[in-house]
Amino acid sequence: MEQVVEMTDLDAAHEIFSAAYSRLRLNGGKERSHSWMASRTLGPIRFDRVRGSIGLNATGDPLRNYVFGHLDAGRVEHSTGGDDRFLLPGDVFLTAPPDRPFRAAIDDPDVSMVVLDQKVVNEFADDVRFEGFRPLSRCAGAAWRSTCVHLRDEVLPVFEEHPLVVANATRLLVATTLATFPNNALVESPGERRDAHPRSLRRAMAFIESNAAKDITAADIARAARVSIRAIQLAFRRHLDMTPMAYLRRVRLSCAHEDLRAANGSVTAIAVRWGYARSSVFAAHYRAAYGVSPSQTLRSG
């Protein structure tokens, strides 16, 4: 459910922003301001949107979380350790490292932000660190923004009570973020390459097949295989030419196939049960795997 807070002066803005991000110290701003902050939560991820007539300059303690965003209107400036970043409408950004103080200035913004906890990011790889504040390319930034808007405005309002859909949406957003901003997630050590052997893969596959109905992560799969996240990702790439999460999606699609054959619900209900927010995407994946539509399998069951 969306929560909207109205801020009618700088004192209110200071209180709301300090509670949402980190303790701030305001250095000035417009005497008259009127703005809104809307928040939605998707599992461990929070979507914020700030818009209105407000101008302020502030310094802040470390954010504790990663705060990514895209600016639709107005002006935003961030500074960390002497690195000044001036943002204009259309820009996609990382605010600051979560462990370093920062300075910020905003002027009449319409800015959307995504707050990610380090633990959520580490479900994809061990000790992930983002190493840049800008997207790898304009195209990557546009894809990231499109994913955020889709999840915030289309998936979350409809499917927030469906755990596997929320889990899949969370993984999609984190994976897209890792593909968009520079980070160390793809660096492999010799030990991880050595651990990427068939025994690890078999343990991981067995865990996935036994737990496909649960919200499991790459970190869960790696623990079950008794190797690091990067090692199990490398094992899946080396031996199956896919990621652990892609294998999980394939197993869930197989489970959906069995539900359709047993007429265990409607196509839409079965799609949602196995983590698909959109029936059209489920139908496309199903047809690619089985050569018929889900409804055909349901009717013949």
C-alpha atoms as a PDB file:
ATOM      1  CA  MET A   1       0.000   0.000   0.000  1.00  0.00           C
ATOM      2  CA  GLU A   2       1.282   3.454  -0.894  1.00  0.00           C
ATOM      3  CA  GLN A   3       1.980   5.847   1.971  1.00  0.00           C
ATOM      4  CA  VAL A   4       1.978   9.561   1.154  1.00  0.00           C
ATOM      5  CA  VAL A   5       3.390  12.241   3.453  1.00  0.00           C
ATOM      6  CA  GLU A   6       2.870  15.955   2.816  1.00  0.00           C
ATOM      7  CA  MET A   7       5.659  18.364   3.824  1.00  0.00           C
ATOM      8  CA  THR A   8       4.571  21.971   4.175  1.00  0.00           C
ATOM      9  CA  ASP A   9       7.850  23.456   5.424  1.00  0.00           C
ATOM     10  CA  LEU A  10      11.549  22.681   5.766  1.00  0.00           C
ATOM     11  CA  ASP A  11      11.187  21.425   9.335  1.00  0.00           C
ATOM     12  CA  ALA A  12       8.767  18.754   8.135  1.00  0.00           C
ATOM     13  CA  ALA A  13      11.069  17.872   5.227  1.00  0.00           C
ATOM     14  CA  HIS A  14      14.008  17.553   7.614  1.00  0.00           C
ATOM     15  CA  GLU A  15      12.064  15.191   9.862  1.00  0.00           C
ATOM     16  CA  ILE A  16      10.766  12.988   7.025  1.00  0.00           C
ATOM     17  CA  PHE A  17      14.029  12.757   5.072  1.00  0.00           C
ATOM     18  CA  SER A  18      16.087  12.079   8.208  1.00  0.00           C
ATOM     19  CA  ALA A  19      13.759   9.222   9.152  1.00  0.00           C
ATOM     20  CA  ALA A  20      13.776   7.769   5.630  1.00  0.00           C
ATOM     21  CA  TYR A  21      17.473   8.002   4.738  1.00  0.00           C
ATOM     22  CA  SER A  22      19.916   9.276   7.358  1.00  0.00           C
ATOM     23  CA  ARG A  23      20.320  12.075   9.879  1.00  0.00           C
ATOM     24  CA  LEU A  24      20.519  15.347   7.966  1.00  0.00           C
ATOM     25  CA  ARG A  25      21.788  18.795   8.788  1.00  0.00           C
ATOM     26  CA  LEU A  26      20.096  21.507   6.723  1.00  0.00           C
ATOM     27  CA  ASN A  27      22.258  24.363   5.512  1.00  0.00           C
ATOM     28  CA  GLY A  28      19.502  26.460   3.998  1.00  0.00           C
ATOM     29  CA  GLY A  29      16.692  26.385   1.509  1.00  0.00           C
ATOM     30  CA  LYS A  30      13.495  28.045   0.424  1.00  0.00           C
ATOM     31  CA  GLU A  31      11.510  29.705   3.162  1.00  0.00           C
ATOM     32  CA  ARG A  32       8.306  28.442   1.601  1.00  0.00           C
ATOM     33  CA  SER A  33       8.101  24.855   0.479  1.00  0.00           C
ATOM     34  CA  HIS A  34       5.365  22.360  -0.249  1.00  0.00           C
ATOM     35  CA  SER A  35       6.185  18.825  -1.290  1.00  0.00           C
ATOM     36  CA  TRP A  36       5.103  15.204  -1.060  1.00  0.00           C
ATOM     37  CA  MET A  37       6.850  11.916  -0.485  1.00  0.00           C
ATOM     38  CA  ALA A  38       5.114   8.701  -1.562  1.00  0.00           C
ATOM     39  CA  SER A  39       6.499   5.293  -0.546  1.00  0.00           C
ATOM     40  CA  ARG A  40       5.710   1.724  -1.549  1.00  0.00           C
ATOM     41  CA  THR A  41       7.385  -1.393  -0.170  1.00  0.00           C
ATOM     42  CA  LEU A  42       8.156  -4.482  -2.251  1.00  0.00           C
ATOM     43  CA  GLY A  43       9.460  -7.121   0.139  1.00  0.00           C
ATOM     44  CA  PRO A  44      12.836  -5.769   1.317  1.00  0.00           C
ATOM     45  CA  ILE A  45      12.867  -2.950  -1.262  1.00  0.00           C
ATOM     46  CA  ARG A  46      11.314   0.497  -0.884  1.00  0.00           C
ATOM     47  CA  PHE A  47      10.234   2.799  -3.707  1.00  0.00           C
ATOM     48  CA  ASP A  48      10.110   6.513  -2.855  1.00  0.00           C
ATOM     49  CA  ARG A  49       8.978   9.444  -4.958  1.00  0.00           C
ATOM     50  CA  VAL A  50       9.588  13.057  -3.896  1.00  0.00           C
ATOM     51  CA  ARG A  51       8.038  15.933  -5.815  1.00  0.00           C
ATOM     52  CA  GLY A  52       6.930  19.502  -5.241  1.00  0.00           C
ATOM     53  CA  SER A  53       8.233  22.999  -4.643  1.00  0.00           C
ATOM     54  CA  ILE A  54      11.157  22.637  -2.285  1.00  0.00           C
ATOM     55  CA  GLY A  55      14.772  23.704  -2.207  1.00  0.00           C
ATOM     56  CA  LEU A  56      17.332  22.671   0.351  1.00  0.00           C
ATOM     57  CA  ASN A  57      21.008  21.994   0.914  1.00  0.00           C
ATOM     58  CA  ALA A  58      21.996  19.363   3.443  1.00  0.00           C
ATOM     59  CA  THR A  59      24.808  17.200   4.715  1.00  0.00           C
ATOM     60  CA  GLY A  60      24.007  13.709   5.867  1.00  0.00           C
ATOM     61  CA  ASP A  61      25.422  10.798   7.814  1.00  0.00           C
ATOM     62  CA  PRO A  62      26.059   7.569   5.857  1.00  0.00           C
ATOM     63  CA  LEU A  63      22.827   6.322   4.293  1.00  0.00           C
ATOM     64  CA  ARG A  64      23.184   2.729   5.606  1.00  0.00           C
ATOM     65  CA  ASN A  65      21.478   1.487   2.404  1.00  0.00           C
ATOM     66  CA  TYR A  66      22.003   1.880  -1.312  1.00  0.00           C
ATOM     67  CA  VAL A  67      19.739   4.619  -2.668  1.00  0.00           C
ATOM     68  CA  PHE A  68      19.414   4.570  -6.458  1.00  0.00           C
ATOM     69  CA  GLY A  69      17.179   6.938  -8.375  1.00  0.00           C
ATOM     70  CA  HIS A  70      16.033   8.645 -11.531  1.00  0.00           C
ATOM     71  CA  LEU A  71      15.285  12.340 -11.879  1.00  0.00           C
ATOM     72  CA  ASP A  72      12.253  13.363 -13.927  1.00  0.00           C
ATOM     73  CA  ALA A  73      12.227  17.111 -13.200  1.00  0.00           C
ATOM     74  CA  GLY A  74      14.105  19.738 -11.247  1.00  0.00           C
ATOM     75  CA  ARG A  75      17.716  19.662 -10.115  1.00  0.00           C
ATOM     76  CA  VAL A  76      19.647  17.429  -7.730  1.00  0.00           C
ATOM     77  CA  GLU A  77      23.288  17.574  -6.688  1.00  0.00           C
ATOM     78  CA  HIS A  78      25.203  14.946  -4.695  1.00  0.00           C
ATOM     79  CA  SER A  79      28.740  15.137  -3.349  1.00  0.00           C
ATOM     80  CA  THR A  80      30.838  12.444  -1.660  1.00  0.00           C
ATOM     81  CA  GLY A  81      34.470  12.935  -0.719  1.00  0.00           C
ATOM     82  CA  GLY A  82      34.864  15.874  -3.081  1.00  0.00           C
ATOM     83  CA  ASP A  83      33.225  14.082  -6.031  1.00  0.00           C
ATOM     84  CA  ASP A  84      30.408  16.436  -7.149  1.00  0.00           C
ATOM     85  CA  ARG A  85      27.608  15.007  -9.294  1.00  0.00           C
ATOM     86  CA  PHE A  86      25.082  17.362 -10.932  1.00  0.00           C
ATOM     87  CA  LEU A  87      21.911  15.610 -12.071  1.00  0.00           C
ATOM     88  CA  LEU A  88      19.440  16.790 -14.683  1.00  0.00           C
ATOM     89  CA  PRO A  89      16.048  15.412 -15.782  1.00  0.00           C
ATOM     90  CA  GLY A  90      16.497  11.990 -17.370  1.00  0.00           C
ATOM     91  CA  ASP A  91      19.549  11.063 -15.277  1.00  0.00           C
ATOM     92  CA  VAL A  92      19.785   7.750 -13.398  1.00  0.00           C
ATOM     93  CA  PHE A  93      22.114   7.630 -10.384  1.00  0.00           C
ATOM     94  CA  LEU A  94      23.436   6.095  -7.198  1.00  0.00           C
ATOM     95  CA  THR A  95      23.262   8.681  -4.408  1.00  0.00           C
ATOM     96  CA  ALA A  96      26.356   7.699  -2.377  1.00  0.00           C
ATOM     97  CA  PRO A  97      28.114   4.650  -0.909  1.00  0.00           C
ATOM     98  CA  PRO A  98      26.114   3.469   2.126  1.00  0.00           C
ATOM     99  CA  ASP A  99      29.081   3.845   4.484  1.00  0.00           C
ATOM    100  CA  ARG A 100      30.205   7.386   3.628  1.00  0.00           C
ATOM    101  CA  PRO A 101      28.749  10.803   4.568  1.00  0.00           C
ATOM    102  CA  PHE A 102      27.419  12.899   1.728  1.00  0.00           C
ATOM    103  CA  ARG A 103      26.109  16.310   0.743  1.00  0.00           C
ATOM    104  CA  ALA A 104      22.915  16.874  -1.234  1.00  0.00           C
ATOM    105  CA  ALA A 105      21.004  19.751  -2.759  1.00  0.00           C
ATOM    106  CA  ILE A 106      17.563  19.575  -4.355  1.00  0.00           C
ATOM    107  CA  ASP A 107      15.509  22.199  -6.142  1.00  0.00           C
ATOM    108  CA  ASP A 108      11.853  21.622  -7.162  1.00  0.00           C
ATOM    109  CA  PRO A 109      12.420  17.924  -7.846  1.00  0.00           C
ATOM    110  CA  ASP A 110      10.349  15.093  -9.205  1.00  0.00           C
ATOM    111  CA  VAL A 111      12.684  12.262  -8.266  1.00  0.00           C
ATOM    112  CA  SER A 112      12.053   8.560  -7.766  1.00  0.00           C
ATOM    113  CA  MET A 113      14.329   6.438  -5.603  1.00  0.00           C
ATOM    114  CA  VAL A 114      14.846   2.781  -4.826  1.00  0.00           C
ATOM    115  CA  VAL A 115      16.261   1.843  -1.420  1.00  0.00           C
ATOM    116  CA  LEU A 116      18.196  -1.450  -1.324  1.00  0.00           C
ATOM    117  CA  ASP A 117      19.670  -3.030   1.775  1.00  0.00           C
ATOM    118  CA  GLN A 118      23.153  -4.539   1.412  1.00  0.00           C
ATOM    119  CA  LYS A 119      21.759  -7.917   2.543  1.00  0.00           C
ATOM    120  CA  VAL A 120      19.353  -7.988  -0.412  1.00  0.00           C
ATOM    121  CA  VAL A 121      22.159  -7.263  -2.854  1.00  0.00           C
ATOM    122  CA  ASN A 122      24.339  -9.947  -1.251  1.00  0.00           C
ATOM    123  CA  GLU A 123      21.732 -12.579  -2.089  1.00  0.00           C
ATOM    124  CA  PHE A 124      23.093 -12.369  -5.640  1.00  0.00           C
ATOM    125  CA  ALA A 125      26.815 -12.344  -4.907  1.00  0.00           C
ATOM    126  CA  ASP A 126      29.171 -12.229  -1.944  1.00  0.00           C
ATOM    127  CA  ASP A 127      30.164  -8.834  -0.568  1.00  0.00           C
ATOM    128  CA  VAL A 128      28.886  -6.796  -3.517  1.00  0.00           C
ATOM    129  CA  ARG A 129      30.230  -3.265  -3.791  1.00  0.00           C
ATOM    130  CA  PHE A 130      29.034  -0.717  -6.316  1.00  0.00           C
ATOM    131  CA  GLU A 131      31.964   1.149  -7.805  1.00  0.00           C
ATOM    132  CA  GLY A 132      30.333   4.000  -9.710  1.00  0.00           C
ATOM    133  CA  PHE A 133      27.488   6.475  -9.417  1.00  0.00           C
ATOM    134  CA  ARG A 134      26.348   6.480 -13.063  1.00  0.00           C
ATOM    135  CA  PRO A 135      24.926   3.684 -15.249  1.00  0.00           C
ATOM    136  CA  LEU A 136      27.270   1.775 -17.528  1.00  0.00           C
ATOM    137  CA  SER A 137      25.401   3.272 -20.489  1.00  0.00           C
ATOM    138  CA  ARG A 138      22.395   5.448 -21.245  1.00  0.00           C
ATOM    139  CA  CYS A 139      20.586   2.369 -22.578  1.00  0.00           C
ATOM    140  CA  ALA A 140      21.244   0.462 -19.342  1.00  0.00           C
ATOM    141  CA  GLY A 141      19.970   3.410 -17.319  1.00  0.00           C
ATOM    142  CA  ALA A 142      16.776   3.613 -19.381  1.00  0.00           C
ATOM    143  CA  ALA A 143      16.153  -0.128 -18.916  1.00  0.00           C
ATOM    144  CA  TRP A 144      16.698   0.198 -15.155  1.00  0.00           C
ATOM    145  CA  ARG A 145      14.251   3.106 -14.930  1.00  0.00           C
ATOM    146  CA  SER A 146      11.643   1.213 -16.973  1.00  0.00           C
ATOM    147  CA  THR A 147      11.969  -1.824 -14.689  1.00  0.00           C
ATOM    148  CA  CYS A 148      11.556   0.307 -11.562  1.00  0.00           C
ATOM    149  CA  VAL A 149       8.447   2.072 -12.884  1.00  0.00           C
ATOM    150  CA  HIS A 150       6.875  -1.211 -14.009  1.00  0.00           C
ATOM    151  CA  LEU A 151       7.412  -2.906 -10.640  1.00  0.00           C
ATOM    152  CA  ARG A 152       6.318   0.135  -8.619  1.00  0.00           C
ATOM    153  CA  ASP A 153       3.227   1.083 -10.628  1.00  0.00           C
ATOM    154  CA  GLU A 154       2.016  -2.200 -12.153  1.00  0.00           C
ATOM    155  CA  VAL A 155       3.287  -5.216 -10.212  1.00  0.00           C
ATOM    156  CA  LEU A 156       3.347  -3.988  -6.614  1.00  0.00           C
ATOM    157  CA  PRO A 157      -0.210  -2.576  -6.374  1.00  0.00           C
ATOM    158  CA  VAL A 158      -1.714  -5.843  -7.688  1.00  0.00           C
ATOM    159  CA  PHE A 159       0.529  -8.637  -6.410  1.00  0.00           C
ATOM    160  CA  GLU A 160       1.930  -7.473  -3.068  1.00  0.00           C
ATOM    161  CA  GLU A 161       0.133 -10.361  -1.311  1.00  0.00           C
ATOM    162  CA  HIS A 162       1.709 -13.047  -3.544  1.00  0.00           C
ATOM    163  CA  PRO A 163       5.104 -14.055  -2.083  1.00  0.00           C
ATOM    164  CA  LEU A 164       6.665 -15.666  -5.170  1.00  0.00           C
ATOM    165  CA  VAL A 165       5.676 -12.761  -7.406  1.00  0.00           C
ATOM    166  CA  VAL A 166       7.174 -10.304  -4.912  1.00  0.00           C
ATOM    167  CA  ALA A 167      10.305 -12.454  -4.672  1.00  0.00           C
ATOM    168  CA  ASN A 168      10.695 -12.642  -8.449  1.00  0.00           C
ATOM    169  CA  ALA A 169      10.148  -8.896  -8.771  1.00  0.00           C
ATOM    170  CA  THR A 170      12.783  -8.263  -6.102  1.00  0.00           C
ATOM    171  CA  ARG A 171      15.303 -10.507  -7.882  1.00  0.00           C
ATOM    172  CA  LEU A 172      14.544  -8.810 -11.189  1.00  0.00           C
ATOM    173  CA  LEU A 173      15.185  -5.365  -9.763  1.00  0.00           C
ATOM    174  CA  VAL A 174      18.426  -6.353  -8.019  1.00  0.00           C
ATOM    175  CA  ALA A 175      19.682  -8.195 -11.110  1.00  0.00           C
ATOM    176  CA  THR A 176      18.857  -5.192 -13.295  1.00  0.00           C
ATOM    177  CA  THR A 177      20.645  -2.886 -10.846  1.00  0.00           C
ATOM    178  CA  LEU A 178      23.746  -5.100 -10.903  1.00  0.00           C
ATOM    179  CA  ALA A 179      23.670  -5.041 -14.702  1.00  0.00           C
ATOM    180  CA  THR A 180      23.259  -1.254 -14.761  1.00  0.00           C
ATOM    181  CA  PHE A 181      25.807   0.142 -12.286  1.00  0.00           C
ATOM    182  CA  PRO A 182      29.530  -0.740 -12.056  1.00  0.00           C
ATOM    183  CA  ASN A 183      30.211  -3.309  -9.327  1.00  0.00           C
ATOM    184  CA  ASN A 184      32.501  -6.164  -8.335  1.00  0.00           C
ATOM    185  CA  ALA A 185      29.920  -8.980  -8.542  1.00  0.00           C
ATOM    186  CA  LEU A 186      31.435 -10.763 -11.546  1.00  0.00           C
ATOM    187  CA  VAL A 187      35.002 -11.001 -10.236  1.00  0.00           C
ATOM    188  CA  GLU A 188      35.859 -14.685  -9.678  1.00  0.00           C
ATOM    189  CA  SER A 189      38.679 -16.051  -7.539  1.00  0.00           C
ATOM    190  CA  PRO A 190      40.670 -19.233  -8.346  1.00  0.00           C
ATOM    191  CA  GLY A 191      39.033 -20.927  -5.355  1.00  0.00           C
ATOM    192  CA  GLU A 192      35.561 -20.177  -6.687  1.00  0.00           C
ATOM    193  CA  ARG A 193      36.461 -21.574 -10.084  1.00  0.00           C
ATOM    194  CA  ARG A 194      37.740 -24.713  -8.342  1.00  0.00           C
ATOM    195  CA  ASP A 195      34.510 -25.066  -6.314  1.00  0.00           C
ATOM    196  CA  ALA A 196      32.341 -24.898  -9.432  1.00  0.00           C
ATOM    197  CA  HIS A 197      32.340 -28.680  -9.860  1.00  0.00           C
ATOM    198  CA  PRO A 198      29.497 -31.100 -10.691  1.00  0.00           C
ATOM    199  CA  ARG A 199      29.010 -32.176  -7.060  1.00  0.00           C
ATOM    200  CA  SER A 200      28.175 -28.604  -6.085  1.00  0.00           C
ATOM    201  CA  LEU A 201      25.842 -28.361  -9.044  1.00  0.00           C
ATOM    202  CA  ARG A 202      23.986 -31.566  -8.101  1.00  0.00           C
ATOM    203  CA  ARG A 203      23.493 -30.391  -4.522  1.00  0.00           C
ATOM    204  CA  ALA A 204      22.176 -27.065  -5.782  1.00  0.00           C
ATOM    205  CA  MET A 205      19.800 -28.671  -8.283  1.00  0.00           C
ATOM    206  CA  ALA A 206      18.401 -31.019  -5.633  1.00  0.00           C
ATOM    207  CA  PHE A 207      17.809 -28.098  -3.271  1.00  0.00           C
ATOM    208  CA  ILE A 208      16.032 -26.098  -5.960  1.00  0.00           C
ATOM    209  CA  GLU A 209      13.800 -28.976  -6.980  1.00  0.00           C
ATOM    210  CA  SER A 210      12.795 -29.620  -3.358  1.00  0.00           C
ATOM    211  CA  ASN A 211      12.114 -25.962  -2.544  1.00  0.00           C
ATOM    212  CA  ALA A 212      10.731 -24.459  -5.753  1.00  0.00           C
ATOM    213  CA  ALA A 213       7.493 -23.395  -4.039  1.00  0.00           C
ATOM    214  CA  LYS A 214       9.429 -21.309  -1.486  1.00  0.00           C
ATOM    215  CA  ASP A 215      11.038 -17.898  -1.742  1.00  0.00           C
ATOM    216  CA  ILE A 216      14.654 -19.011  -2.162  1.00  0.00           C
ATOM    217  CA  THR A 217      17.604 -16.902  -3.224  1.00  0.00           C
ATOM    218  CA  ALA A 218      20.971 -17.464  -4.850  1.00  0.00           C
ATOM    219  CA  ALA A 219      22.464 -17.231  -1.358  1.00  0.00           C
ATOM    220  CA  ASP A 220      20.161 -20.060  -0.142  1.00  0.00           C
ATOM    221  CA  ILE A 221      21.165 -22.199  -3.119  1.00  0.00           C
ATOM    222  CA  ALA A 222      24.869 -21.578  -2.518  1.00  0.00           C
ATOM    223  CA  ARG A 223      24.552 -22.508   1.172  1.00  0.00           C
ATOM    224  CA  ALA A 224      22.806 -25.748   0.217  1.00  0.00           C
ATOM    225  CA  ALA A 225      25.621 -26.522  -2.233  1.00  0.00           C
ATOM    226  CA  ARG A 226      28.225 -25.601   0.421  1.00  0.00           C
ATOM    227  CA  VAL A 227      30.060 -23.128  -1.821  1.00  0.00           C
ATOM    228  CA  SER A 228      30.057 -19.358  -2.378  1.00  0.00           C
ATOM    229  CA  ILE A 229      27.427 -17.585  -4.465  1.00  0.00           C
ATOM    230  CA  ARG A 230      29.923 -16.839  -7.232  1.00  0.00           C
ATOM    231  CA  ALA A 231      31.088 -20.476  -7.271  1.00  0.00           C
ATOM    232  CA  ILE A 232      27.565 -21.830  -7.721  1.00  0.00           C
ATOM    233  CA  GLN A 233      26.809 -19.227 -10.385  1.00  0.00           C
ATOM    234  CA  LEU A 234      29.955 -20.317 -12.211  1.00  0.00           C
ATOM    235  CA  ALA A 235      28.990 -24.000 -11.842  1.00  0.00           C
ATOM    236  CA  PHE A 236      25.599 -23.392 -13.446  1.00  0.00           C
ATOM    237  CA  ARG A 237      27.151 -21.347 -16.264  1.00  0.00           C
ATOM    238  CA  ARG A 238      29.890 -23.908 -16.869  1.00  0.00           C
ATOM    239  CA  HIS A 239      27.732 -27.050 -16.837  1.00  0.00           C
ATOM    240  CA  LEU A 240      24.206 -25.898 -17.767  1.00  0.00           C
ATOM    241  CA  ASP A 241      24.823 -22.553 -19.502  1.00  0.00           C
ATOM    242  CA  MET A 242      22.328 -20.772 -17.225  1.00  0.00           C
ATOM    243  CA  THR A 243      22.146 -19.079 -13.844  1.00  0.00           C
ATOM    244  CA  PRO A 244      20.833 -20.730 -10.662  1.00  0.00           C
ATOM    245  CA  MET A 245      17.774 -18.459 -10.749  1.00  0.00           C
ATOM    246  CA  ALA A 246      17.089 -19.365 -14.380  1.00  0.00           C
ATOM    247  CA  TYR A 247      17.128 -23.034 -13.367  1.00  0.00           C
ATOM    248  CA  LEU A 248      14.721 -22.209 -10.534  1.00  0.00           C
ATOM    249  CA  ARG A 249      12.384 -20.536 -13.041  1.00  0.00           C
ATOM    250  CA  ARG A 250      12.552 -23.627 -15.255  1.00  0.00           C
ATOM    251  CA  VAL A 251      11.651 -25.892 -12.325  1.00  0.00           C
ATOM    252  CA  ARG A 252       8.750 -23.622 -11.361  1.00  0.00           C
ATOM    253  CA  LEU A 253       7.513 -23.667 -14.953  1.00  0.00           C
ATOM    254  CA  SER A 254       7.564 -27.465 -14.794  1.00  0.00           C
ATOM    255  CA  CYS A 255       5.514 -27.316 -11.572  1.00  0.00           C
ATOM    256  CA  ALA A 256       3.037 -25.009 -13.280  1.00  0.00           C
ATOM    257  CA  HIS A 257       2.832 -27.522 -16.140  1.00  0.00           C
ATOM    258  CA  GLU A 258       1.877 -30.253 -13.683  1.00  0.00           C
ATOM    259  CA  ASP A 259      -0.772 -27.995 -12.098  1.00  0.00           C
ATOM    260  CA  LEU A 260      -2.253 -27.293 -15.530  1.00  0.00           C
ATOM    261  CA  ARG A 261      -2.362 -31.005 -16.373  1.00  0.00           C
ATOM    262  CA  ALA A 262      -4.129 -31.650 -13.070  1.00  0.00           C
ATOM    263  CA  ALA A 263      -6.501 -28.691 -13.684  1.00  0.00           C
ATOM    264  CA  ASN A 264      -5.399 -27.308 -10.323  1.00  0.00           C
ATOM    265  CA  GLY A 265      -6.800 -23.793 -10.854  1.00  0.00           C
ATOM    266  CA  SER A 266      -7.145 -21.260 -13.655  1.00  0.00           C
ATOM    267  CA  VAL A 267      -4.236 -20.253 -15.885  1.00  0.00           C
ATOM    268  CA  THR A 268      -3.945 -16.900 -14.093  1.00  0.00           C
ATOM    269  CA  ALA A 269      -4.046 -18.473 -10.625  1.00  0.00           C
ATOM    270  CA  ILE A 270      -1.402 -21.058 -11.554  1.00  0.00           C
ATOM    271  CA  ALA A 271       0.821 -18.373 -13.103  1.00  0.00           C
ATOM    272  CA  VAL A 272       0.688 -16.273  -9.941  1.00  0.00           C
ATOM    273  CA  ARG A 273       1.220 -19.341  -7.731  1.00  0.00           C
ATOM    274  CA  TRP A 274       4.528 -19.978  -9.464  1.00  0.00           C
ATOM    275  CA  GLY A 275       5.731 -16.399  -9.456  1.00  0.00           C
ATOM    276  CA  TYR A 276       4.454 -14.826 -12.696  1.00  0.00           C
ATOM    277  CA  ALA A 277       2.912 -11.380 -12.364  1.00  0.00           C
ATOM    278  CA  ARG A 278       1.834 -11.295 -16.010  1.00  0.00           C
ATOM    279  CA  SER A 279      -0.117 -14.114 -17.628  1.00  0.00           C
ATOM    280  CA  SER A 280       1.232 -13.050 -21.020  1.00  0.00           C
ATOM    281  CA  VAL A 281       4.817 -13.632 -19.890  1.00  0.00           C
ATOM    282  CA  PHE A 282       3.838 -16.977 -18.363  1.00  0.00           C
ATOM    283  CA  ALA A 283       2.111 -17.986 -21.613  1.00  0.00           C
ATOM    284  CA  ALA A 284       5.149 -17.016 -23.692  1.00  0.00           C
ATOM    285  CA  HIS A 285       7.549 -18.962 -21.485  1.00  0.00           C
ATOM    286  CA  TYR A 286       5.192 -21.920 -21.348  1.00  0.00           C
ATOM    287  CA  ARG A 287       4.704 -22.071 -25.104  1.00  0.00           C
ATOM    288  CA  ALA A 288       8.480 -21.852 -25.640  1.00  0.00           C
ATOM    289  CA  ALA A 289       9.000 -24.798 -23.280  1.00  0.00           C
ATOM    290  CA  TYR A 290       6.028 -27.041 -24.176  1.00  0.00           C
ATOM    291  CA  GLY A 291       4.940 -25.976 -27.647  1.00  0.00           C
ATOM    292  CA  VAL A 292       1.324 -25.271 -26.645  1.00  0.00           C
ATOM    293  CA  SER A 293      -0.470 -22.573 -24.685  1.00  0.00           C
ATOM    294  CA  PRO A 294      -1.247 -23.004 -20.980  1.00  0.00           C
ATOM    295  CA  SER A 295      -4.978 -22.959 -21.750  1.00  0.00           C
ATOM    296  CA  GLN A 296      -4.584 -25.870 -24.170  1.00  0.00           C
ATOM    297  CA  THR A 297      -2.884 -27.959 -21.510  1.00  0.00           C
ATOM    298  CA  LEU A 298      -5.560 -26.992 -18.979  1.00  0.00           C
ATOM    299  CA  ARG A 299      -8.385 -27.987 -21.320  1.00  0.00           C
ATOM    300  CA  SER A 300      -6.790 -31.335 -22.144  1.00  0.00           C
ATOM    301  CA  GLY A 301      -6.043 -32.185 -18.505  1.00  0.00           C
END
